[in-house]
Amino acid sequence: GGSLRLPCAASGGTSCRYDFSWYRQAPGTEREFVSSIHSF
């Protein structure tokens, strides 16, 4: 029931378009898509 906020700090990128996403993986499980944000 609680909350957390996860930051993802990016550096070193070129002047190009980037989309960002979050995935998660628990032990013994497949990596799962969580969320994404398009450059737009």
Full PDB file with SEQRES, HELIX, SHEET, SSBOND, CRYST1, ORIGX, SCALE, CONECT and MASTER records, all heavy atoms in Angstrom:
SEQRES   1 A   40  GLY GLY SER LEU ARG LEU PRO CYS ALA ALA SER GLY GLY          
SEQRES   2 A   40  THR SER CYS ARG TYR ASP PHE SER TRP TYR ARG GLN ALA          
SEQRES   3 A   40  PRO GLY THR GLU ARG GLU PHE VAL SER SER ILE HIS SER          
SEQRES   4 A   40  PHE                                                          
SHEET    1 AA1 2 PHE A  20  ARG A  24  0                                        
SHEET    2 AA1 2 GLU A  32  ILE A  37 -1                                        
CRYST1    1.000    1.000    1.000  90.00  90.00  90.00 P 1           1          
ORIGX1      1.000000  0.000000  0.000000        0.00000                         
ORIGX2      0.000000  1.000000  0.000000        0.00000                         
ORIGX3      0.000000  0.000000  1.000000        0.00000                         
SCALE1      1.000000  0.000000  0.000000        0.00000                         
SCALE2      0.000000  1.000000  0.000000        0.00000                         
SCALE3      0.000000  0.000000  1.000000        0.00000                         
ATOM      1  N   GLY A   1       0.791  -1.214   0.000  1.00  0.00           N  
ATOM      2  CA  GLY A   1       0.000   0.000   0.000  1.00  0.00           C  
ATOM      3  C   GLY A   1       0.823   1.263   0.000  1.00  0.00           C  
ATOM      4  O   GLY A   1       0.279   2.359  -0.210  1.00  0.00           O  
ATOM      5  N   GLY A   2       2.113   1.130   0.209  1.00  0.00           N  
ATOM      6  CA  GLY A   2       2.999   2.273   0.230  1.00  0.00           C  
ATOM      7  C   GLY A   2       3.419   2.705  -1.160  1.00  0.00           C  
ATOM      8  O   GLY A   2       2.962   2.172  -2.171  1.00  0.00           O  
ATOM      9  N   SER A   3       4.327   3.671  -1.191  1.00  0.00           N  
ATOM     10  CA  SER A   3       4.762   4.250  -2.457  1.00  0.00           C  
ATOM     11  C   SER A   3       6.270   4.394  -2.508  1.00  0.00           C  
ATOM     12  O   SER A   3       6.936   4.528  -1.487  1.00  0.00           O  
ATOM     13  CB  SER A   3       4.126   5.634  -2.662  1.00  0.00           C  
ATOM     14  OG  SER A   3       2.715   5.572  -2.698  1.00  0.00           O  
ATOM     15  N   LEU A   4       6.788   4.368  -3.714  1.00  0.00           N  
ATOM     16  CA  LEU A   4       8.180   4.651  -3.992  1.00  0.00           C  
ATOM     17  C   LEU A   4       8.264   5.406  -5.303  1.00  0.00           C  
ATOM     18  O   LEU A   4       7.406   5.244  -6.172  1.00  0.00           O  
ATOM     19  CB  LEU A   4       9.017   3.375  -4.095  1.00  0.00           C  
ATOM     20  CG  LEU A   4       9.365   2.616  -2.820  1.00  0.00           C  
ATOM     21  CD1 LEU A   4      10.045   1.302  -3.175  1.00  0.00           C  
ATOM     22  CD2 LEU A   4      10.264   3.460  -1.929  1.00  0.00           C  
ATOM     23  N   ARG A   5       9.303   6.204  -5.443  1.00  0.00           N  
ATOM     24  CA  ARG A   5       9.570   6.866  -6.699  1.00  0.00           C  
ATOM     25  C   ARG A   5      10.981   6.530  -7.135  1.00  0.00           C  
ATOM     26  O   ARG A   5      11.948   6.802  -6.421  1.00  0.00           O  
ATOM     27  CB  ARG A   5       9.407   8.388  -6.595  1.00  0.00           C  
ATOM     28  CG  ARG A   5       9.515   9.083  -7.954  1.00  0.00           C  
ATOM     29  CD  ARG A   5       9.243  10.565  -7.882  1.00  0.00           C  
ATOM     30  NE  ARG A   5      10.323  11.289  -7.223  1.00  0.00           N  
ATOM     31  CZ  ARG A   5      10.565  12.587  -7.405  1.00  0.00           C  
ATOM     32  NH1 ARG A   5       9.794  13.300  -8.229  1.00  0.00           N  
ATOM     33  NH2 ARG A   5      11.547  13.170  -6.742  1.00  0.00           N  
ATOM     34  N   LEU A   6      11.092   5.937  -8.304  1.00  0.00           N  
ATOM     35  CA  LEU A   6      12.372   5.506  -8.826  1.00  0.00           C  
ATOM     36  C   LEU A   6      12.864   6.491  -9.882  1.00  0.00           C  
ATOM     37  O   LEU A   6      12.197   6.690 -10.898  1.00  0.00           O  
ATOM     38  CB  LEU A   6      12.270   4.121  -9.451  1.00  0.00           C  
ATOM     39  CG  LEU A   6      11.654   3.005  -8.609  1.00  0.00           C  
ATOM     40  CD1 LEU A   6      11.693   1.694  -9.381  1.00  0.00           C  
ATOM     41  CD2 LEU A   6      12.362   2.883  -7.275  1.00  0.00           C  
ATOM     42  N   PRO A   7      14.015   7.099  -9.666  1.00  0.00           N  
ATOM     43  CA  PRO A   7      14.602   7.936 -10.713  1.00  0.00           C  
ATOM     44  C   PRO A   7      15.538   7.139 -11.606  1.00  0.00           C  
ATOM     45  O   PRO A   7      16.184   6.191 -11.164  1.00  0.00           O  
ATOM     46  CB  PRO A   7      15.378   8.992  -9.916  1.00  0.00           C  
ATOM     47  CG  PRO A   7      15.847   8.242  -8.714  1.00  0.00           C  
ATOM     48  CD  PRO A   7      14.769   7.211  -8.405  1.00  0.00           C  
ATOM     49  N   CYS A   8      15.588   7.534 -12.844  1.00  0.00           N  
ATOM     50  CA  CYS A   8      16.553   7.002 -13.794  1.00  0.00           C  
ATOM     51  C   CYS A   8      17.269   8.185 -14.409  1.00  0.00           C  
ATOM     52  O   CYS A   8      16.698   8.900 -15.236  1.00  0.00           O  
ATOM     53  CB  CYS A   8      15.856   6.164 -14.869  1.00  0.00           C  
ATOM     54  SG  CYS A   8      16.953   5.625 -16.204  1.00  0.00           S  
ATOM     55  N   ALA A   9      18.493   8.395 -13.980  1.00  0.00           N  
ATOM     56  CA  ALA A   9      19.285   9.524 -14.448  1.00  0.00           C  
ATOM     57  C   ALA A   9      20.116   9.111 -15.649  1.00  0.00           C  
ATOM     58  O   ALA A   9      20.872   8.140 -15.584  1.00  0.00           O  
ATOM     59  CB  ALA A   9      20.177  10.046 -13.333  1.00  0.00           C  
ATOM     60  N   ALA A  10      19.977   9.847 -16.724  1.00  0.00           N  
ATOM     61  CA  ALA A  10      20.680   9.544 -17.960  1.00  0.00           C  
ATOM     62  C   ALA A  10      21.777  10.566 -18.218  1.00  0.00           C  
ATOM     63  O   ALA A  10      21.626  11.755 -17.933  1.00  0.00           O  
ATOM     64  CB  ALA A  10      19.710   9.520 -19.139  1.00  0.00           C  
ATOM     65  N   SER A  11      22.861  10.096 -18.779  1.00  0.00           N  
ATOM     66  CA  SER A  11      23.964  10.974 -19.135  1.00  0.00           C  
ATOM     67  C   SER A  11      24.725  10.388 -20.315  1.00  0.00           C  
ATOM     68  O   SER A  11      24.643   9.192 -20.587  1.00  0.00           O  
ATOM     69  CB  SER A  11      24.918  11.178 -17.956  1.00  0.00           C  
ATOM     70  OG  SER A  11      25.515   9.951 -17.566  1.00  0.00           O  
ATOM     71  N   GLY A  12      25.454  11.240 -21.004  1.00  0.00           N  
ATOM     72  CA  GLY A  12      26.312  10.788 -22.088  1.00  0.00           C  
ATOM     73  C   GLY A  12      25.624  10.538 -23.408  1.00  0.00           C  
ATOM     74  O   GLY A  12      26.252  10.025 -24.331  1.00  0.00           O  
ATOM     75  N   GLY A  13      24.374  10.882 -23.517  1.00  0.00           N  
ATOM     76  CA  GLY A  13      23.638  10.638 -24.738  1.00  0.00           C  
ATOM     77  C   GLY A  13      23.948  11.658 -25.822  1.00  0.00           C  
ATOM     78  O   GLY A  13      24.404  12.766 -25.556  1.00  0.00           O  
ATOM     79  N   THR A  14      23.702  11.264 -27.043  1.00  0.00           N  
ATOM     80  CA  THR A  14      23.851  12.164 -28.174  1.00  0.00           C  
ATOM     81  C   THR A  14      22.569  12.960 -28.353  1.00  0.00           C  
ATOM     82  O   THR A  14      21.567  12.730 -27.683  1.00  0.00           O  
ATOM     83  CB  THR A  14      24.163  11.390 -29.459  1.00  0.00           C  
ATOM     84  OG1 THR A  14      23.098  10.468 -29.736  1.00  0.00           O  
ATOM     85  CG2 THR A  14      25.462  10.620 -29.324  1.00  0.00           C  
ATOM     86  N   SER A  15      22.621  13.915 -29.261  1.00  0.00           N  
ATOM     87  CA  SER A  15      21.441  14.717 -29.557  1.00  0.00           C  
ATOM     88  C   SER A  15      20.543  13.945 -30.509  1.00  0.00           C  
ATOM     89  O   SER A  15      20.414  14.263 -31.689  1.00  0.00           O  
ATOM     90  CB  SER A  15      21.851  16.059 -30.152  1.00  0.00           C  
ATOM     91  OG  SER A  15      20.709  16.871 -30.395  1.00  0.00           O  
ATOM     92  N   CYS A  16      19.933  12.924 -29.971  1.00  0.00           N  
ATOM     93  CA  CYS A  16      19.030  12.069 -30.713  1.00  0.00           C  
ATOM     94  C   CYS A  16      17.763  11.861 -29.901  1.00  0.00           C  
ATOM     95  O   CYS A  16      17.674  12.292 -28.755  1.00  0.00           O  
ATOM     96  CB  CYS A  16      19.681  10.716 -31.023  1.00  0.00           C  
ATOM     97  SG  CYS A  16      21.206  10.812 -31.991  1.00  0.00           S  
ATOM     98  N   ARG A  17      16.815  11.188 -30.485  1.00  0.00           N  
ATOM     99  CA  ARG A  17      15.568  10.907 -29.798  1.00  0.00           C  
ATOM    100  C   ARG A  17      15.709   9.656 -28.945  1.00  0.00           C  
ATOM    101  O   ARG A  17      16.216   8.642 -29.404  1.00  0.00           O  
ATOM    102  CB  ARG A  17      14.428  10.740 -30.797  1.00  0.00           C  
ATOM    103  CG  ARG A  17      14.095  11.998 -31.571  1.00  0.00           C  
ATOM    104  CD  ARG A  17      13.033  11.735 -32.610  1.00  0.00           C  
ATOM    105  NE  ARG A  17      12.693  12.940 -33.353  1.00  0.00           N  
ATOM    106  CZ  ARG A  17      11.870  12.980 -34.381  1.00  0.00           C  
ATOM    107  NH1 ARG A  17      11.291  11.864 -34.807  1.00  0.00           N  
ATOM    108  NH2 ARG A  17      11.636  14.130 -34.993  1.00  0.00           N  
ATOM    109  N   TYR A  18      15.258   9.763 -27.722  1.00  0.00           N  
ATOM    110  CA  TYR A  18      15.322   8.643 -26.798  1.00  0.00           C  
ATOM    111  C   TYR A  18      13.952   8.374 -26.202  1.00  0.00           C  
ATOM    112  O   TYR A  18      13.232   9.297 -25.818  1.00  0.00           O  
ATOM    113  CB  TYR A  18      16.313   8.917 -25.668  1.00  0.00           C  
ATOM    114  CG  TYR A  18      17.756   8.921 -26.102  1.00  0.00           C  
ATOM    115  CD1 TYR A  18      18.349  10.089 -26.564  1.00  0.00           C  
ATOM    116  CD2 TYR A  18      18.519   7.755 -26.044  1.00  0.00           C  
ATOM    117  CE1 TYR A  18      19.675  10.093 -26.965  1.00  0.00           C  
ATOM    118  CE2 TYR A  18      19.843   7.759 -26.443  1.00  0.00           C  
ATOM    119  CZ  TYR A  18      20.417   8.927 -26.903  1.00  0.00           C  
ATOM    120  OH  TYR A  18      21.733   8.928 -27.300  1.00  0.00           O  
ATOM    121  N   ASP A  19      13.606   7.114 -26.128  1.00  0.00           N  
ATOM    122  CA  ASP A  19      12.452   6.657 -25.380  1.00  0.00           C  
ATOM    123  C   ASP A  19      12.960   5.915 -24.154  1.00  0.00           C  
ATOM    124  O   ASP A  19      13.973   5.218 -24.215  1.00  0.00           O  
ATOM    125  CB  ASP A  19      11.571   5.723 -26.210  1.00  0.00           C  
ATOM    126  CG  ASP A  19      11.065   6.374 -27.477  1.00  0.00           C  
ATOM    127  OD1 ASP A  19      10.927   7.611 -27.499  1.00  0.00           O  
ATOM    128  OD2 ASP A  19      10.797   5.641 -28.451  1.00  0.00           O  
ATOM    129  N   PHE A  20      12.258   6.056 -23.058  1.00  0.00           N  
ATOM    130  CA  PHE A  20      12.666   5.413 -21.824  1.00  0.00           C  
ATOM    131  C   PHE A  20      11.589   4.458 -21.346  1.00  0.00           C  
ATOM    132  O   PHE A  20      10.394   4.686 -21.540  1.00  0.00           O  
ATOM    133  CB  PHE A  20      12.956   6.455 -20.740  1.00  0.00           C  
ATOM    134  CG  PHE A  20      14.170   7.283 -21.009  1.00  0.00           C  
ATOM    135  CD1 PHE A  20      14.081   8.443 -21.767  1.00  0.00           C  
ATOM    136  CD2 PHE A  20      15.404   6.904 -20.513  1.00  0.00           C  
ATOM    137  CE1 PHE A  20      15.201   9.208 -22.023  1.00  0.00           C  
ATOM    138  CE2 PHE A  20      16.536   7.662 -20.760  1.00  0.00           C  
ATOM    139  CZ  PHE A  20      16.435   8.821 -21.522  1.00  0.00           C  
ATOM    140  N   SER A  21      12.033   3.412 -20.708  1.00  0.00           N  
ATOM    141  CA  SER A  21      11.097   2.434 -20.184  1.00  0.00           C  
ATOM    142  C   SER A  21      11.654   1.808 -18.918  1.00  0.00           C  
ATOM    143  O   SER A  21      12.852   1.887 -18.631  1.00  0.00           O  
ATOM    144  CB  SER A  21      10.778   1.351 -21.222  1.00  0.00           C  
ATOM    145  OG  SER A  21      11.949   0.663 -21.612  1.00  0.00           O  
ATOM    146  N   TRP A  22      10.753   1.207 -18.175  1.00  0.00           N  
ATOM    147  CA  TRP A  22      11.100   0.461 -16.971  1.00  0.00           C  
ATOM    148  C   TRP A  22      10.681  -0.990 -17.137  1.00  0.00           C  
ATOM    149  O   TRP A  22       9.588  -1.274 -17.627  1.00  0.00           O  
ATOM    150  CB  TRP A  22      10.408   1.049 -15.740  1.00  0.00           C  
ATOM    151  CG  TRP A  22      10.995   2.331 -15.253  1.00  0.00           C  
ATOM    152  CD1 TRP A  22      10.610   3.587 -15.589  1.00  0.00           C  
ATOM    153  CD2 TRP A  22      12.061   2.475 -14.311  1.00  0.00           C  
ATOM    154  NE1 TRP A  22      11.372   4.514 -14.923  1.00  0.00           N  
ATOM    155  CE2 TRP A  22      12.272   3.866 -14.134  1.00  0.00           C  
ATOM    156  CE3 TRP A  22      12.858   1.578 -13.598  1.00  0.00           C  
ATOM    157  CZ2 TRP A  22      13.249   4.366 -13.277  1.00  0.00           C  
ATOM    158  CZ3 TRP A  22      13.825   2.077 -12.749  1.00  0.00           C  
ATOM    159  CH2 TRP A  22      14.008   3.457 -12.602  1.00  0.00           C  
ATOM    160  N   TYR A  23      11.550  -1.872 -16.717  1.00  0.00           N  
ATOM    161  CA  TYR A  23      11.270  -3.289 -16.653  1.00  0.00           C  
ATOM    162  C   TYR A  23      11.578  -3.772 -15.245  1.00  0.00           C  
ATOM    163  O   TYR A  23      12.305  -3.120 -14.491  1.00  0.00           O  
ATOM    164  CB  TYR A  23      12.115  -4.071 -17.661  1.00  0.00           C  
ATOM    165  CG  TYR A  23      11.711  -3.855 -19.105  1.00  0.00           C  
ATOM    166  CD1 TYR A  23      12.086  -2.705 -19.781  1.00  0.00           C  
ATOM    167  CD2 TYR A  23      10.962  -4.808 -19.780  1.00  0.00           C  
ATOM    168  CE1 TYR A  23      11.723  -2.503 -21.103  1.00  0.00           C  
ATOM    169  CE2 TYR A  23      10.599  -4.619 -21.101  1.00  0.00           C  
ATOM    170  CZ  TYR A  23      10.983  -3.465 -21.755  1.00  0.00           C  
ATOM    171  OH  TYR A  23      10.619  -3.276 -23.065  1.00  0.00           O  
ATOM    172  N   ARG A  24      11.040  -4.911 -14.895  1.00  0.00           N  
ATOM    173  CA  ARG A  24      11.339  -5.490 -13.603  1.00  0.00           C  
ATOM    174  C   ARG A  24      11.488  -6.991 -13.738  1.00  0.00           C  
ATOM    175  O   ARG A  24      10.938  -7.611 -14.644  1.00  0.00           O  
ATOM    176  CB  ARG A  24      10.258  -5.152 -12.576  1.00  0.00           C  
ATOM    177  CG  ARG A  24       8.904  -5.794 -12.846  1.00  0.00           C  
ATOM    178  CD  ARG A  24       7.871  -5.271 -11.862  1.00  0.00           C  
ATOM    179  NE  ARG A  24       6.587  -5.929 -12.017  1.00  0.00           N  
ATOM    180  CZ  ARG A  24       5.486  -5.578 -11.365  1.00  0.00           C  
ATOM    181  NH1 ARG A  24       5.534  -4.560 -10.491  1.00  0.00           N  
ATOM    182  NH2 ARG A  24       4.353  -6.233 -11.563  1.00  0.00           N  
ATOM    183  N   GLN A  25      12.228  -7.557 -12.819  1.00  0.00           N  
ATOM    184  CA  GLN A  25      12.450  -8.983 -12.828  1.00  0.00           C  
ATOM    185  C   GLN A  25      12.630  -9.486 -11.406  1.00  0.00           C  
ATOM    186  O   GLN A  25      13.517  -9.036 -10.687  1.00  0.00           O  
ATOM    187  CB  GLN A  25      13.675  -9.341 -13.671  1.00  0.00           C  
ATOM    188  CG  GLN A  25      13.868 -10.827 -13.871  1.00  0.00           C  
ATOM    189  CD  GLN A  25      14.938 -11.126 -14.901  1.00  0.00           C  
ATOM    190  OE1 GLN A  25      15.850 -10.326 -15.116  1.00  0.00           O  
ATOM    191  NE2 GLN A  25      14.829 -12.263 -15.558  1.00  0.00           N  
ATOM    192  N   ALA A  26      11.774 -10.404 -11.032  1.00  0.00           N  
ATOM    193  CA  ALA A  26      11.881 -11.062  -9.743  1.00  0.00           C  
ATOM    194  C   ALA A  26      12.701 -12.333  -9.905  1.00  0.00           C  
ATOM    195  O   ALA A  26      12.787 -12.893 -11.004  1.00  0.00           O  
ATOM    196  CB  ALA A  26      10.496 -11.387  -9.192  1.00  0.00           C  
ATOM    197  N   PRO A  27      13.310 -12.818  -8.838  1.00  0.00           N  
ATOM    198  CA  PRO A  27      14.111 -14.038  -8.936  1.00  0.00           C  
ATOM    199  C   PRO A  27      13.311 -15.200  -9.512  1.00  0.00           C  
ATOM    200  O   PRO A  27      12.183 -15.460  -9.093  1.00  0.00           O  
ATOM    201  CB  PRO A  27      14.517 -14.310  -7.490  1.00  0.00           C  
ATOM    202  CG  PRO A  27      14.519 -12.959  -6.852  1.00  0.00           C  
ATOM    203  CD  PRO A  27      13.367 -12.233  -7.488  1.00  0.00           C  
ATOM    204  N   GLY A  28      13.885 -15.866 -10.488  1.00  0.00           N  
ATOM    205  CA  GLY A  28      13.242 -17.016 -11.092  1.00  0.00           C  
ATOM    206  C   GLY A  28      12.124 -16.701 -12.058  1.00  0.00           C  
ATOM    207  O   GLY A  28      11.405 -17.614 -12.472  1.00  0.00           O  
ATOM    208  N   THR A  29      11.952 -15.444 -12.415  1.00  0.00           N  
ATOM    209  CA  THR A  29      10.899 -15.044 -13.338  1.00  0.00           C  
ATOM    210  C   THR A  29      11.482 -14.346 -14.551  1.00  0.00           C  
ATOM    211  O   THR A  29      12.644 -13.947 -14.560  1.00  0.00           O  
ATOM    212  CB  THR A  29       9.872 -14.121 -12.665  1.00  0.00           C  
ATOM    213  OG1 THR A  29      10.487 -12.858 -12.373  1.00  0.00           O  
ATOM    214  CG2 THR A  29       9.357 -14.733 -11.372  1.00  0.00           C  
ATOM    215  N   GLU A  30      10.646 -14.199 -15.570  1.00  0.00           N  
ATOM    216  CA  GLU A  30      11.055 -13.470 -16.757  1.00  0.00           C  
ATOM    217  C   GLU A  30      11.008 -11.973 -16.501  1.00  0.00           C  
ATOM    218  O   GLU A  30      10.251 -11.490 -15.659  1.00  0.00           O  
ATOM    219  CB  GLU A  30      10.141 -13.813 -17.935  1.00  0.00           C  
ATOM    220  CG  GLU A  30      10.198 -15.250 -18.389  1.00  0.00           C  
ATOM    221  CD  GLU A  30       9.298 -15.509 -19.579  1.00  0.00           C  
ATOM    222  OE1 GLU A  30       8.479 -14.630 -19.908  1.00  0.00           O  
ATOM    223  OE2 GLU A  30       9.414 -16.578 -20.187  1.00  0.00           O  
ATOM    224  N   ARG A  31      11.806 -11.254 -17.240  1.00  0.00           N  
ATOM    225  CA  ARG A  31      11.757  -9.810 -17.157  1.00  0.00           C  
ATOM    226  C   ARG A  31      10.413  -9.318 -17.693  1.00  0.00           C  
ATOM    227  O   ARG A  31       9.947  -9.765 -18.747  1.00  0.00           O  
ATOM    228  CB  ARG A  31      12.912  -9.190 -17.937  1.00  0.00           C  
ATOM    229  CG  ARG A  31      12.950  -7.671 -17.883  1.00  0.00           C  
ATOM    230  CD  ARG A  31      14.277  -7.131 -18.374  1.00  0.00           C  
ATOM    231  NE  ARG A  31      15.362  -7.471 -17.470  1.00  0.00           N  
ATOM    232  CZ  ARG A  31      16.613  -7.040 -17.606  1.00  0.00           C  
ATOM    233  NH1 ARG A  31      16.934  -6.260 -18.624  1.00  0.00           N  
ATOM    234  NH2 ARG A  31      17.541  -7.400 -16.738  1.00  0.00           N  
ATOM    235  N   GLU A  32       9.813  -8.389 -16.979  1.00  0.00           N  
ATOM    236  CA  GLU A  32       8.470  -7.924 -17.278  1.00  0.00           C  
ATOM    237  C   GLU A  32       8.473  -6.434 -17.601  1.00  0.00           C  
ATOM    238  O   GLU A  32       9.100  -5.635 -16.900  1.00  0.00           O  
ATOM    239  CB  GLU A  32       7.540  -8.198 -16.091  1.00  0.00           C  
ATOM    240  CG  GLU A  32       6.119  -7.683 -16.255  1.00  0.00           C  
ATOM    241  CD  GLU A  32       5.309  -7.801 -14.978  1.00  0.00           C  
ATOM    242  OE1 GLU A  32       5.918  -7.907 -13.897  1.00  0.00           O  
ATOM    243  OE2 GLU A  32       4.063  -7.803 -15.071  1.00  0.00           O  
ATOM    244  N   PHE A  33       7.743  -6.079 -18.633  1.00  0.00           N  
ATOM    245  CA  PHE A  33       7.579  -4.670 -18.977  1.00  0.00           C  
ATOM    246  C   PHE A  33       6.725  -3.976 -17.934  1.00  0.00           C  
ATOM    247  O   PHE A  33       5.676  -4.481 -17.535  1.00  0.00           O  
ATOM    248  CB  PHE A  33       6.936  -4.530 -20.355  1.00  0.00           C  
ATOM    249  CG  PHE A  33       6.531  -3.123 -20.682  1.00  0.00           C  
ATOM    250  CD1 PHE A  33       7.464  -2.187 -21.092  1.00  0.00           C  
ATOM    251  CD2 PHE A  33       5.204  -2.729 -20.581  1.00  0.00           C  
ATOM    252  CE1 PHE A  33       7.095  -0.884 -21.398  1.00  0.00           C  
ATOM    253  CE2 PHE A  33       4.824  -1.435 -20.882  1.00  0.00           C  
ATOM    254  CZ  PHE A  33       5.779  -0.515 -21.288  1.00  0.00           C  
ATOM    255  N   VAL A  34       7.152  -2.805 -17.504  1.00  0.00           N  
ATOM    256  CA  VAL A  34       6.434  -2.042 -16.492  1.00  0.00           C  
ATOM    257  C   VAL A  34       5.810  -0.790 -17.093  1.00  0.00           C  
ATOM    258  O   VAL A  34       4.603  -0.570 -16.977  1.00  0.00           O  
ATOM    259  CB  VAL A  34       7.358  -1.649 -15.323  1.00  0.00           C  
ATOM    260  CG1 VAL A  34       6.616  -0.753 -14.331  1.00  0.00           C  
ATOM    261  CG2 VAL A  34       7.890  -2.894 -14.629  1.00  0.00           C  
ATOM    262  N   SER A  35       6.636   0.035 -17.728  1.00  0.00           N  
ATOM    263  CA  SER A  35       6.139   1.296 -18.244  1.00  0.00           C  
ATOM    264  C   SER A  35       7.130   1.871 -19.241  1.00  0.00           C  
ATOM    265  O   SER A  35       8.300   1.509 -19.244  1.00  0.00           O  
ATOM    266  CB  SER A  35       5.903   2.295 -17.100  1.00  0.00           C  
ATOM    267  OG  SER A  35       5.355   3.503 -17.574  1.00  0.00           O  
ATOM    268  N   SER A  36       6.662   2.768 -20.079  1.00  0.00           N  
ATOM    269  CA  SER A  36       7.527   3.452 -21.028  1.00  0.00           C  
ATOM    270  C   SER A  36       7.001   4.850 -21.285  1.00  0.00           C  
ATOM    271  O   SER A  36       5.819   5.131 -21.096  1.00  0.00           O  
ATOM    272  CB  SER A  36       7.636   2.672 -22.342  1.00  0.00           C  
ATOM    273  OG  SER A  36       6.390   2.601 -23.001  1.00  0.00           O  
ATOM    274  N   ILE A  37       7.900   5.696 -21.720  1.00  0.00           N  
ATOM    275  CA  ILE A  37       7.526   7.052 -22.109  1.00  0.00           C  
ATOM    276  C   ILE A  37       8.242   7.380 -23.409  1.00  0.00           C  
ATOM    277  O   ILE A  37       9.456   7.246 -23.527  1.00  0.00           O  
ATOM    278  CB  ILE A  37       7.843   8.077 -20.998  1.00  0.00           C  
ATOM    279  CG1 ILE A  37       7.366   9.472 -21.412  1.00  0.00           C  
ATOM    280  CG2 ILE A  37       9.324   8.081 -20.637  1.00  0.00           C  
ATOM    281  CD1 ILE A  37       7.339  10.458 -20.255  1.00  0.00           C  
ATOM    282  N   HIS A  38       7.467   7.793 -24.398  1.00  0.00           N  
ATOM    283  CA  HIS A  38       7.991   8.129 -25.704  1.00  0.00           C  
ATOM    284  C   HIS A  38       8.622   9.513 -25.667  1.00  0.00           C  
ATOM    285  O   HIS A  38       8.307  10.332 -24.795  1.00  0.00           O  
ATOM    286  CB  HIS A  38       6.847   8.082 -26.732  1.00  0.00           C  
ATOM    287  CG  HIS A  38       7.279   8.115 -28.153  1.00  0.00           C  
ATOM    288  ND1 HIS A  38       7.430   9.290 -28.862  1.00  0.00           N  
ATOM    289  CD2 HIS A  38       7.603   7.122 -29.019  1.00  0.00           C  
ATOM    290  CE1 HIS A  38       7.824   9.020 -30.093  1.00  0.00           C  
ATOM    291  NE2 HIS A  38       7.927   7.712 -30.205  1.00  0.00           N  
ATOM    292  N   SER A  39       9.495   9.772 -26.613  1.00  0.00           N  
ATOM    293  CA  SER A  39      10.136  11.080 -26.677  1.00  0.00           C  
ATOM    294  C   SER A  39       9.130  12.205 -26.865  1.00  0.00           C  
ATOM    295  O   SER A  39       9.396  13.348 -26.496  1.00  0.00           O  
ATOM    296  CB  SER A  39      11.177  11.115 -27.795  1.00  0.00           C  
ATOM    297  OG  SER A  39      10.585  10.854 -29.055  1.00  0.00           O  
ATOM    298  N   PHE A  40       7.976  11.866 -27.428  1.00  0.00           N  
ATOM    299  CA  PHE A  40       6.916  12.852 -27.609  1.00  0.00           C  
ATOM    300  C   PHE A  40       6.003  12.962 -26.399  1.00  0.00           C  
ATOM    301  O   PHE A  40       5.084  13.775 -26.394  1.00  0.00           O  
ATOM    302  CB  PHE A  40       6.086  12.534 -28.854  1.00  0.00           C  
ATOM    303  CG  PHE A  40       6.866  12.600 -30.133  1.00  0.00           C  
ATOM    304  CD1 PHE A  40       6.640  11.677 -31.139  1.00  0.00           C  
ATOM    305  CD2 PHE A  40       7.814  13.589 -30.336  1.00  0.00           C  
ATOM    306  CE1 PHE A  40       7.349  11.737 -32.326  1.00  0.00           C  
ATOM    307  CE2 PHE A  40       8.546  13.657 -31.511  1.00  0.00           C  
ATOM    308  CZ  PHE A  40       8.305  12.722 -32.514  1.00  0.00           C  
TER     309      PHE A  40                                                      
MASTER        0    0    0    0    2    0    0    6  308    1    0    4          
END                                                                             
